[in-house]
Structure formats: C-alpha cells, structure tokens
Amino acid sequence: MDLSHLRYTNSDGDRLVAAVPTWGPFPDTKPVLDQLGKHCKLVIISNAEDDMIAQNVRNMDVEFYDVITAEQAALTNPLHRFSIMPCAGWIAIEATSCM
C-alpha cells in the first residue's frame, strides 16, 4: 500500500479478512467442479487456515473428497513451500495422480 500511496489501517486488513468467508465462487466454478467430481476425487489444497476455508467450501456447494490446509500441514510460515507430495499421502493417492 505504501508503494501505491494508498491509506491503509490495520482495521482495513481486518475487514478484508472477515469478508473472505462471505465470497462465493465464480459463476462457472460449481458446474465445472460438479462435472469433474463425476470422474475424479476433488481435493482442495489451500494455503488458508482451517476456519477461513471452511465457509468458502460451504459456499461452493461442491462435494470434496478432502480439504487440506496449510494449518493442517503446520506450514504457516510463508517461507515454507506447500508441497503436494506430502499431501498425496494424507489422501491416500499417488502423487503422480495429482494435478
């Protein structure tokens, strides 16, 4: 924000974080995921915390096989890489099956 010379307060960030769970998916998301779900297991691997992603998943109204968050993987430090390889073991699939 400093680079853009925009005024910003901590309460602005708090309001943004509080708004995230109210956002729904893009209009074309649900139909595509519903079709994909007929042919494969849908898994979300997210850098979000559990409480932040839960309402977003409900807003999508799509059946997911699993939701794996950075919080569950204990990868809350932004310097860590969230690798799909360990996640594959959590959902009992081969890493080569992940897209």
PDB file of N, CA and C in Angstrom:
ATOM      1  N   MET A   1       0.820  -1.184   0.000  1.00  0.00           N
ATOM      2  CA  MET A   1       0.000   0.000   0.000  1.00  0.00           C
ATOM      3  C   MET A   1       0.871   1.256   0.000  1.00  0.00           C
ATOM      4  N   ASP A   2       2.007   1.168   0.688  1.00  0.00           N
ATOM      5  CA  ASP A   2       2.903   2.321   0.719  1.00  0.00           C
ATOM      6  C   ASP A   2       3.376   2.687  -0.681  1.00  0.00           C
ATOM      7  N   LEU A   3       3.685   1.670  -1.494  1.00  0.00           N
ATOM      8  CA  LEU A   3       4.164   1.941  -2.850  1.00  0.00           C
ATOM      9  C   LEU A   3       3.094   2.609  -3.698  1.00  0.00           C
ATOM     10  N   SER A   4       1.834   2.326  -3.408  1.00  0.00           N
ATOM     11  CA  SER A   4       0.727   2.911  -4.168  1.00  0.00           C
ATOM     12  C   SER A   4       0.237   4.220  -3.572  1.00  0.00           C
ATOM     13  N   HIS A   5       0.809   4.573  -2.425  1.00  0.00           N
ATOM     14  CA  HIS A   5       0.413   5.803  -1.725  1.00  0.00           C
ATOM     15  C   HIS A   5      -1.066   5.775  -1.342  1.00  0.00           C
ATOM     16  N   LEU A   6      -1.550   4.587  -0.990  1.00  0.00           N
ATOM     17  CA  LEU A   6      -2.930   4.436  -0.534  1.00  0.00           C
ATOM     18  C   LEU A   6      -2.940   4.389   0.986  1.00  0.00           C
ATOM     19  N   ARG A   7      -3.916   5.039   1.572  1.00  0.00           N
ATOM     20  CA  ARG A   7      -4.048   4.979   3.022  1.00  0.00           C
ATOM     21  C   ARG A   7      -4.533   3.597   3.417  1.00  0.00           C
ATOM     22  N   TYR A   8      -3.965   3.087   4.480  1.00  0.00           N
ATOM     23  CA  TYR A   8      -4.304   1.744   4.931  1.00  0.00           C
ATOM     24  C   TYR A   8      -4.148   1.687   6.447  1.00  0.00           C
ATOM     25  N   THR A   9      -5.113   1.069   7.110  1.00  0.00           N
ATOM     26  CA  THR A   9      -5.019   0.857   8.546  1.00  0.00           C
ATOM     27  C   THR A   9      -5.179  -0.628   8.833  1.00  0.00           C
ATOM     28  N   ASN A  10      -4.813  -1.044  10.023  1.00  0.00           N
ATOM     29  CA  ASN A  10      -4.984  -2.451  10.408  1.00  0.00           C
ATOM     30  C   ASN A  10      -6.444  -2.867  10.338  1.00  0.00           C
ATOM     31  N   SER A  11      -7.350  -1.958  10.629  1.00  0.00           N
ATOM     32  CA  SER A  11      -8.778  -2.311  10.563  1.00  0.00           C
ATOM     33  C   SER A  11      -9.200  -2.598   9.127  1.00  0.00           C
ATOM     34  N   ASP A  12      -8.538  -1.973   8.137  1.00  0.00           N
ATOM     35  CA  ASP A  12      -8.827  -2.305   6.727  1.00  0.00           C
ATOM     36  C   ASP A  12      -8.504  -3.768   6.466  1.00  0.00           C
ATOM     37  N   GLY A  13      -7.356  -4.219   6.939  1.00  0.00           N
ATOM     38  CA  GLY A  13      -6.971  -5.619   6.776  1.00  0.00           C
ATOM     39  C   GLY A  13      -7.907  -6.556   7.509  1.00  0.00           C
ATOM     40  N   ASP A  14      -8.321  -6.164   8.706  1.00  0.00           N
ATOM     41  CA  ASP A  14      -9.253  -6.987   9.479  1.00  0.00           C
ATOM     42  C   ASP A  14     -10.576  -7.153   8.733  1.00  0.00           C
ATOM     43  N   ARG A  15     -11.060  -6.073   8.141  1.00  0.00           N
ATOM     44  CA  ARG A  15     -12.324  -6.144   7.390  1.00  0.00           C
ATOM     45  C   ARG A  15     -12.177  -7.027   6.155  1.00  0.00           C
ATOM     46  N   LEU A  16     -11.046  -6.943   5.499  1.00  0.00           N
ATOM     47  CA  LEU A  16     -10.815  -7.786   4.324  1.00  0.00           C
ATOM     48  C   LEU A  16     -10.796  -9.266   4.710  1.00  0.00           C
ATOM     49  N   VAL A  17     -10.070  -9.595   5.767  1.00  0.00           N
ATOM     50  CA  VAL A  17     -10.007 -10.988   6.222  1.00  0.00           C
ATOM     51  C   VAL A  17     -11.395 -11.470   6.630  1.00  0.00           C
ATOM     52  N   ALA A  18     -12.167 -10.637   7.301  1.00  0.00           N
ATOM     53  CA  ALA A  18     -13.521 -11.016   7.725  1.00  0.00           C
ATOM     54  C   ALA A  18     -14.452 -11.210   6.532  1.00  0.00           C
ATOM     55  N   ALA A  19     -14.187 -10.527   5.430  1.00  0.00           N
ATOM     56  CA  ALA A  19     -15.057 -10.629   4.254  1.00  0.00           C
ATOM     57  C   ALA A  19     -14.815 -11.893   3.439  1.00  0.00           C
ATOM     58  N   VAL A  20     -13.622 -12.444   3.505  1.00  0.00           N
ATOM     59  CA  VAL A  20     -13.271 -13.590   2.660  1.00  0.00           C
ATOM     60  C   VAL A  20     -14.290 -14.734   2.756  1.00  0.00           C
ATOM     61  N   PRO A  21     -14.734 -15.138   3.949  1.00  0.00           N
ATOM     62  CA  PRO A  21     -15.698 -16.246   4.014  1.00  0.00           C
ATOM     63  C   PRO A  21     -17.058 -15.941   3.392  1.00  0.00           C
ATOM     64  N   THR A  22     -17.336 -14.680   3.106  1.00  0.00           N
ATOM     65  CA  THR A  22     -18.632 -14.343   2.507  1.00  0.00           C
ATOM     66  C   THR A  22     -18.595 -14.424   0.986  1.00  0.00           C
ATOM     67  N   TRP A  23     -17.407 -14.552   0.427  1.00  0.00           N
ATOM     68  CA  TRP A  23     -17.287 -14.592  -1.029  1.00  0.00           C
ATOM     69  C   TRP A  23     -17.729 -15.948  -1.543  1.00  0.00           C
ATOM     70  N   GLY A  24     -18.450 -15.949  -2.604  1.00  0.00           N
ATOM     71  CA  GLY A  24     -18.817 -17.188  -3.265  1.00  0.00           C
ATOM     72  C   GLY A  24     -17.872 -17.462  -4.420  1.00  0.00           C
ATOM     73  N   PRO A  25     -18.031 -18.604  -5.044  1.00  0.00           N
ATOM     74  CA  PRO A  25     -17.174 -18.930  -6.186  1.00  0.00           C
ATOM     75  C   PRO A  25     -17.579 -18.124  -7.420  1.00  0.00           C
ATOM     76  N   PHE A  26     -16.697 -18.101  -8.398  1.00  0.00           N
ATOM     77  CA  PHE A  26     -17.067 -17.527  -9.683  1.00  0.00           C
ATOM     78  C   PHE A  26     -18.227 -18.351 -10.246  1.00  0.00           C
ATOM     79  N   PRO A  27     -19.104 -17.749 -11.033  1.00  0.00           N
ATOM     80  CA  PRO A  27     -20.301 -18.445 -11.501  1.00  0.00           C
ATOM     81  C   PRO A  27     -20.034 -19.769 -12.229  1.00  0.00           C
ATOM     82  N   ASP A  28     -18.919 -19.872 -12.938  1.00  0.00           N
ATOM     83  CA  ASP A  28     -18.663 -21.093 -13.701  1.00  0.00           C
ATOM     84  C   ASP A  28     -17.954 -22.176 -12.880  1.00  0.00           C
ATOM     85  N   THR A  29     -17.611 -21.887 -11.628  1.00  0.00           N
ATOM     86  CA  THR A  29     -16.842 -22.838 -10.826  1.00  0.00           C
ATOM     87  C   THR A  29     -17.632 -24.087 -10.466  1.00  0.00           C
ATOM     88  N   LYS A  30     -18.817 -23.942  -9.885  1.00  0.00           N
ATOM     89  CA  LYS A  30     -19.580 -25.094  -9.422  1.00  0.00           C
ATOM     90  C   LYS A  30     -19.911 -26.072 -10.546  1.00  0.00           C
ATOM     91  N   PRO A  31     -20.442 -25.617 -11.688  1.00  0.00           N
ATOM     92  CA  PRO A  31     -20.752 -26.589 -12.746  1.00  0.00           C
ATOM     93  C   PRO A  31     -19.526 -27.378 -13.209  1.00  0.00           C
ATOM     94  N   VAL A  32     -18.385 -26.713 -13.305  1.00  0.00           N
ATOM     95  CA  VAL A  32     -17.167 -27.402 -13.745  1.00  0.00           C
ATOM     96  C   VAL A  32     -16.720 -28.417 -12.701  1.00  0.00           C
ATOM     97  N   LEU A  33     -16.719 -28.021 -11.433  1.00  0.00           N
ATOM     98  CA  LEU A  33     -16.316 -28.950 -10.381  1.00  0.00           C
ATOM     99  C   LEU A  33     -17.301 -30.112 -10.247  1.00  0.00           C
ATOM    100  N   ASP A  34     -18.585 -29.841 -10.417  1.00  0.00           N
ATOM    101  CA  ASP A  34     -19.568 -30.930 -10.383  1.00  0.00           C
ATOM    102  C   ASP A  34     -19.282 -31.956 -11.478  1.00  0.00           C
ATOM    103  N   GLN A  35     -18.940 -31.495 -12.667  1.00  0.00           N
ATOM    104  CA  GLN A  35     -18.611 -32.412 -13.769  1.00  0.00           C
ATOM    105  C   GLN A  35     -17.321 -33.173 -13.482  1.00  0.00           C
ATOM    106  N   LEU A  36     -16.300 -32.469 -13.015  1.00  0.00           N
ATOM    107  CA  LEU A  36     -15.036 -33.141 -12.682  1.00  0.00           C
ATOM    108  C   LEU A  36     -15.243 -34.173 -11.581  1.00  0.00           C
ATOM    109  N   GLY A  37     -16.094 -33.837 -10.610  1.00  0.00           N
ATOM    110  CA  GLY A  37     -16.351 -34.732  -9.495  1.00  0.00           C
ATOM    111  C   GLY A  37     -16.980 -36.047  -9.902  1.00  0.00           C
ATOM    112  N   LYS A  38     -17.573 -36.104 -11.076  1.00  0.00           N
ATOM    113  CA  LYS A  38     -18.137 -37.360 -11.591  1.00  0.00           C
ATOM    114  C   LYS A  38     -17.036 -38.320 -12.040  1.00  0.00           C
ATOM    115  N   HIS A  39     -15.835 -37.794 -12.270  1.00  0.00           N
ATOM    116  CA  HIS A  39     -14.756 -38.591 -12.840  1.00  0.00           C
ATOM    117  C   HIS A  39     -13.536 -38.721 -11.942  1.00  0.00           C
ATOM    118  N   CYS A  40     -13.429 -37.872 -10.927  1.00  0.00           N
ATOM    119  CA  CYS A  40     -12.258 -37.941 -10.049  1.00  0.00           C
ATOM    120  C   CYS A  40     -12.601 -37.377  -8.676  1.00  0.00           C
ATOM    121  N   LYS A  41     -11.726 -37.670  -7.729  1.00  0.00           N
ATOM    122  CA  LYS A  41     -11.902 -37.144  -6.379  1.00  0.00           C
ATOM    123  C   LYS A  41     -11.388 -35.708  -6.352  1.00  0.00           C
ATOM    124  N   LEU A  42     -12.213 -34.820  -5.840  1.00  0.00           N
ATOM    125  CA  LEU A  42     -11.830 -33.412  -5.755  1.00  0.00           C
ATOM    126  C   LEU A  42     -11.229 -33.127  -4.388  1.00  0.00           C
ATOM    127  N   VAL A  43     -10.068 -32.514  -4.401  1.00  0.00           N
ATOM    128  CA  VAL A  43      -9.359 -32.170  -3.175  1.00  0.00           C
ATOM    129  C   VAL A  43      -8.907 -30.723  -3.273  1.00  0.00           C
ATOM    130  N   ILE A  44      -9.112 -29.989  -2.199  1.00  0.00           N
ATOM    131  CA  ILE A  44      -8.580 -28.625  -2.116  1.00  0.00           C
ATOM    132  C   ILE A  44      -7.300 -28.683  -1.301  1.00  0.00           C
ATOM    133  N   ILE A  45      -6.249 -28.127  -1.838  1.00  0.00           N
ATOM    134  CA  ILE A  45      -5.004 -27.924  -1.102  1.00  0.00           C
ATOM    135  C   ILE A  45      -4.822 -26.415  -1.060  1.00  0.00           C
ATOM    136  N   SER A  46      -4.951 -25.859   0.143  1.00  0.00           N
ATOM    137  CA  SER A  46      -5.018 -24.410   0.277  1.00  0.00           C
ATOM    138  C   SER A  46      -3.984 -23.884   1.261  1.00  0.00           C
ATOM    139  N   ASN A  47      -3.541 -22.684   1.006  1.00  0.00           N
ATOM    140  CA  ASN A  47      -2.641 -22.032   1.953  1.00  0.00           C
ATOM    141  C   ASN A  47      -3.416 -21.282   3.031  1.00  0.00           C
ATOM    142  N   ALA A  48      -4.717 -21.501   3.089  1.00  0.00           N
ATOM    143  CA  ALA A  48      -5.564 -20.841   4.084  1.00  0.00           C
ATOM    144  C   ALA A  48      -5.555 -21.600   5.406  1.00  0.00           C
ATOM    145  N   GLU A  49      -6.042 -20.924   6.430  1.00  0.00           N
ATOM    146  CA  GLU A  49      -6.243 -21.567   7.716  1.00  0.00           C
ATOM    147  C   GLU A  49      -7.592 -22.271   7.699  1.00  0.00           C
ATOM    148  N   ASP A  50      -7.748 -23.260   8.567  1.00  0.00           N
ATOM    149  CA  ASP A  50      -8.976 -24.060   8.591  1.00  0.00           C
ATOM    150  C   ASP A  50     -10.241 -23.216   8.674  1.00  0.00           C
ATOM    151  N   ASP A  51     -10.280 -22.272   9.616  1.00  0.00           N
ATOM    152  CA  ASP A  51     -11.507 -21.501   9.810  1.00  0.00           C
ATOM    153  C   ASP A  51     -11.797 -20.567   8.640  1.00  0.00           C
ATOM    154  N   MET A  52     -10.769 -20.176   7.908  1.00  0.00           N
ATOM    155  CA  MET A  52     -11.006 -19.303   6.758  1.00  0.00           C
ATOM    156  C   MET A  52     -11.549 -20.072   5.563  1.00  0.00           C
ATOM    157  N   ILE A  53     -11.107 -21.300   5.369  1.00  0.00           N
ATOM    158  CA  ILE A  53     -11.511 -22.049   4.182  1.00  0.00           C
ATOM    159  C   ILE A  53     -12.866 -22.734   4.354  1.00  0.00           C
ATOM    160  N   ALA A  54     -13.254 -23.031   5.588  1.00  0.00           N
ATOM    161  CA  ALA A  54     -14.473 -23.807   5.830  1.00  0.00           C
ATOM    162  C   ALA A  54     -15.712 -23.172   5.206  1.00  0.00           C
ATOM    163  N   GLN A  55     -15.920 -21.887   5.422  1.00  0.00           N
ATOM    164  CA  GLN A  55     -17.107 -21.243   4.856  1.00  0.00           C
ATOM    165  C   GLN A  55     -17.002 -21.133   3.339  1.00  0.00           C
ATOM    166  N   ASN A  56     -15.811 -20.918   2.813  1.00  0.00           N
ATOM    167  CA  ASN A  56     -15.656 -20.867   1.357  1.00  0.00           C
ATOM    168  C   ASN A  56     -16.040 -22.193   0.726  1.00  0.00           C
ATOM    169  N   VAL A  57     -15.676 -23.294   1.366  1.00  0.00           N
ATOM    170  CA  VAL A  57     -16.039 -24.620   0.855  1.00  0.00           C
ATOM    171  C   VAL A  57     -17.556 -24.778   0.885  1.00  0.00           C
ATOM    172  N   ARG A  58     -18.193 -24.359   1.983  1.00  0.00           N
ATOM    173  CA  ARG A  58     -19.661 -24.440   2.061  1.00  0.00           C
ATOM    174  C   ARG A  58     -20.305 -23.572   0.982  1.00  0.00           C
ATOM    175  N   ASN A  59     -19.731 -22.393   0.716  1.00  0.00           N
ATOM    176  CA  ASN A  59     -20.278 -21.501  -0.306  1.00  0.00           C
ATOM    177  C   ASN A  59     -20.233 -22.121  -1.697  1.00  0.00           C
ATOM    178  N   MET A  60     -19.272 -23.003  -1.933  1.00  0.00           N
ATOM    179  CA  MET A  60     -19.151 -23.636  -3.253  1.00  0.00           C
ATOM    180  C   MET A  60     -20.214 -24.691  -3.481  1.00  0.00           C
ATOM    181  N   ASP A  61     -20.712 -25.308  -2.405  1.00  0.00           N
ATOM    182  CA  ASP A  61     -21.731 -26.345  -2.518  1.00  0.00           C
ATOM    183  C   ASP A  61     -21.301 -27.441  -3.501  1.00  0.00           C
ATOM    184  N   VAL A  62     -20.068 -27.891  -3.328  1.00  0.00           N
ATOM    185  CA  VAL A  62     -19.487 -28.958  -4.144  1.00  0.00           C
ATOM    186  C   VAL A  62     -18.978 -30.027  -3.193  1.00  0.00           C
ATOM    187  N   GLU A  63     -19.095 -31.280  -3.569  1.00  0.00           N
ATOM    188  CA  GLU A  63     -18.611 -32.358  -2.714  1.00  0.00           C
ATOM    189  C   GLU A  63     -17.115 -32.569  -2.944  1.00  0.00           C
ATOM    190  N   PHE A  64     -16.338 -32.344  -1.893  1.00  0.00           N
ATOM    191  CA  PHE A  64     -14.900 -32.544  -1.954  1.00  0.00           C
ATOM    192  C   PHE A  64     -14.520 -33.793  -1.175  1.00  0.00           C
ATOM    193  N   TYR A  65     -13.585 -34.540  -1.709  1.00  0.00           N
ATOM    194  CA  TYR A  65     -13.071 -35.730  -1.048  1.00  0.00           C
ATOM    195  C   TYR A  65     -12.291 -35.333   0.200  1.00  0.00           C
ATOM    196  N   ASP A  66     -11.561 -34.223   0.111  1.00  0.00           N
ATOM    197  CA  ASP A  66     -10.791 -33.755   1.249  1.00  0.00           C
ATOM    198  C   ASP A  66     -10.434 -32.289   1.041  1.00  0.00           C
ATOM    199  N   VAL A  67     -10.155 -31.618   2.145  1.00  0.00           N
ATOM    200  CA  VAL A  67      -9.649 -30.248   2.133  1.00  0.00           C
ATOM    201  C   VAL A  67      -8.420 -30.238   3.036  1.00  0.00           C
ATOM    202  N   ILE A  68      -7.297 -29.877   2.471  1.00  0.00           N
ATOM    203  CA  ILE A  68      -6.032 -29.852   3.206  1.00  0.00           C
ATOM    204  C   ILE A  68      -5.555 -28.405   3.237  1.00  0.00           C
ATOM    205  N   THR A  69      -5.292 -27.928   4.436  1.00  0.00           N
ATOM    206  CA  THR A  69      -4.865 -26.535   4.584  1.00  0.00           C
ATOM    207  C   THR A  69      -3.427 -26.456   5.065  1.00  0.00           C
ATOM    208  N   ALA A  70      -2.854 -25.286   4.886  1.00  0.00           N
ATOM    209  CA  ALA A  70      -1.506 -25.038   5.399  1.00  0.00           C
ATOM    210  C   ALA A  70      -1.483 -25.210   6.912  1.00  0.00           C
ATOM    211  N   GLU A  71      -2.574 -24.846   7.562  1.00  0.00           N
ATOM    212  CA  GLU A  71      -2.650 -25.006   9.015  1.00  0.00           C
ATOM    213  C   GLU A  71      -2.534 -26.481   9.401  1.00  0.00           C
ATOM    214  N   GLN A  72      -3.236 -27.362   8.686  1.00  0.00           N
ATOM    215  CA  GLN A  72      -3.160 -28.796   8.979  1.00  0.00           C
ATOM    216  C   GLN A  72      -1.758 -29.333   8.737  1.00  0.00           C
ATOM    217  N   ALA A  73      -1.091 -28.786   7.745  1.00  0.00           N
ATOM    218  CA  ALA A  73       0.253 -29.244   7.413  1.00  0.00           C
ATOM    219  C   ALA A  73       1.319 -28.554   8.267  1.00  0.00           C
ATOM    220  N   ALA A  74       0.869 -27.689   9.181  1.00  0.00           N
ATOM    221  CA  ALA A  74       1.771 -26.920  10.039  1.00  0.00           C
ATOM    222  C   ALA A  74       2.771 -26.112   9.213  1.00  0.00           C
ATOM    223  N   LEU A  75       2.271 -25.556   8.118  1.00  0.00           N
ATOM    224  CA  LEU A  75       3.102 -24.738   7.234  1.00  0.00           C
ATOM    225  C   LEU A  75       2.552 -23.318   7.209  1.00  0.00           C
ATOM    226  N   THR A  76       2.599 -22.667   8.348  1.00  0.00           N
ATOM    227  CA  THR A  76       2.068 -21.315   8.413  1.00  0.00           C
ATOM    228  C   THR A  76       3.130 -20.262   8.159  1.00  0.00           C
ATOM    229  N   ASN A  77       4.380 -20.658   8.091  1.00  0.00           N
ATOM    230  CA  ASN A  77       5.461 -19.729   7.807  1.00  0.00           C
ATOM    231  C   ASN A  77       5.507 -19.506   6.294  1.00  0.00           C
ATOM    232  N   PRO A  78       5.422 -18.258   5.833  1.00  0.00           N
ATOM    233  CA  PRO A  78       5.402 -18.014   4.385  1.00  0.00           C
ATOM    234  C   PRO A  78       6.682 -18.427   3.664  1.00  0.00           C
ATOM    235  N   LEU A  79       7.748 -18.705   4.407  1.00  0.00           N
ATOM    236  CA  LEU A  79       8.980 -19.122   3.757  1.00  0.00           C
ATOM    237  C   LEU A  79       8.954 -20.600   3.367  1.00  0.00           C
ATOM    238  N   HIS A  80       8.038 -21.372   3.972  1.00  0.00           N
ATOM    239  CA  HIS A  80       7.939 -22.796   3.641  1.00  0.00           C
ATOM    240  C   HIS A  80       7.174 -22.976   2.333  1.00  0.00           C
ATOM    241  N   ARG A  81       7.514 -24.001   1.641  1.00  0.00           N
ATOM    242  CA  ARG A  81       6.785 -24.352   0.424  1.00  0.00           C
ATOM    243  C   ARG A  81       5.724 -25.389   0.775  1.00  0.00           C
ATOM    244  N   PHE A  82       4.516 -25.208   0.265  1.00  0.00           N
ATOM    245  CA  PHE A  82       3.429 -26.161   0.496  1.00  0.00           C
ATOM    246  C   PHE A  82       3.490 -27.149  -0.658  1.00  0.00           C
ATOM    247  N   SER A  83       4.131 -28.270  -0.424  1.00  0.00           N
ATOM    248  CA  SER A  83       4.340 -29.259  -1.472  1.00  0.00           C
ATOM    249  C   SER A  83       3.162 -30.209  -1.572  1.00  0.00           C
ATOM    250  N   ILE A  84       2.806 -30.572  -2.771  1.00  0.00           N
ATOM    251  CA  ILE A  84       1.721 -31.527  -2.983  1.00  0.00           C
ATOM    252  C   ILE A  84       2.147 -32.946  -2.614  1.00  0.00           C
ATOM    253  N   MET A  85       3.437 -33.225  -2.584  1.00  0.00           N
ATOM    254  CA  MET A  85       3.889 -34.587  -2.331  1.00  0.00           C
ATOM    255  C   MET A  85       3.445 -35.129  -0.969  1.00  0.00           C
ATOM    256  N   PRO A  86       3.657 -34.424   0.158  1.00  0.00           N
ATOM    257  CA  PRO A  86       3.178 -34.983   1.420  1.00  0.00           C
ATOM    258  C   PRO A  86       1.662 -35.049   1.472  1.00  0.00           C
ATOM    259  N   CYS A  87       1.001 -34.128   0.792  1.00  0.00           N
ATOM    260  CA  CYS A  87      -0.458 -34.120   0.811  1.00  0.00           C
ATOM    261  C   CYS A  87      -1.025 -35.365   0.155  1.00  0.00           C
ATOM    262  N   ALA A  88      -0.344 -35.865  -0.853  1.00  0.00           N
ATOM    263  CA  ALA A  88      -0.821 -37.065  -1.536  1.00  0.00           C
ATOM    264  C   ALA A  88      -0.945 -38.229  -0.566  1.00  0.00           C
ATOM    265  N   GLY A  89      -0.020 -38.341   0.375  1.00  0.00           N
ATOM    266  CA  GLY A  89      -0.085 -39.407   1.363  1.00  0.00           C
ATOM    267  C   GLY A  89      -1.264 -39.260   2.306  1.00  0.00           C
ATOM    268  N   TRP A  90      -1.661 -38.026   2.611  1.00  0.00           N
ATOM    269  CA  TRP A  90      -2.780 -37.795   3.516  1.00  0.00           C
ATOM    270  C   TRP A  90      -4.095 -38.249   2.920  1.00  0.00           C
ATOM    271  N   ILE A  91      -4.219 -38.175   1.605  1.00  0.00           N
ATOM    272  CA  ILE A  91      -5.494 -38.530   0.997  1.00  0.00           C
ATOM    273  C   ILE A  91      -5.418 -39.869   0.261  1.00  0.00           C
ATOM    274  N   ALA A  92      -4.381 -40.632   0.564  1.00  0.00           N
ATOM    275  CA  ALA A  92      -4.226 -41.999   0.066  1.00  0.00           C
ATOM    276  C   ALA A  92      -4.294 -42.088  -1.454  1.00  0.00           C
ATOM    277  N   ILE A  93      -3.537 -41.226  -2.134  1.00  0.00           N
ATOM    278  CA  ILE A  93      -3.418 -41.316  -3.583  1.00  0.00           C
ATOM    279  C   ILE A  93      -1.965 -41.207  -3.951  1.00  0.00           C
ATOM    280  N   GLU A  94      -1.650 -41.598  -5.137  1.00  0.00           N
ATOM    281  CA  GLU A  94      -0.280 -41.466  -5.642  1.00  0.00           C
ATOM    282  C   GLU A  94      -0.031 -40.009  -6.015  1.00  0.00           C
ATOM    283  N   ALA A  95       1.129 -39.515  -5.699  1.00  0.00           N
ATOM    284  CA  ALA A  95       1.470 -38.142  -6.026  1.00  0.00           C
ATOM    285  C   ALA A  95       1.369 -37.888  -7.521  1.00  0.00           C
ATOM    286  N   THR A  96       1.612 -38.907  -8.324  1.00  0.00           N
ATOM    287  CA  THR A  96       1.537 -38.745  -9.777  1.00  0.00           C
ATOM    288  C   THR A  96       0.098 -38.561 -10.249  1.00  0.00           C
ATOM    289  N   SER A  97      -0.865 -38.840  -9.378  1.00  0.00           N
ATOM    290  CA  SER A  97      -2.270 -38.656  -9.731  1.00  0.00           C
ATOM    291  C   SER A  97      -2.756 -37.240  -9.493  1.00  0.00           C
ATOM    292  N   CYS A  98      -1.921 -36.406  -8.872  1.00  0.00           N
ATOM    293  CA  CYS A  98      -2.312 -35.039  -8.552  1.00  0.00           C
ATOM    294  C   CYS A  98      -2.106 -34.126  -9.740  1.00  0.00           C
ATOM    295  N   MET A  99      -3.015 -33.190  -9.906  1.00  0.00           N
ATOM    296  CA  MET A  99      -2.875 -32.200 -10.970  1.00  0.00           C
ATOM    297  C   MET A  99      -2.500 -30.887 -10.344  1.00  0.00           C
TER     298      MET A  99
END
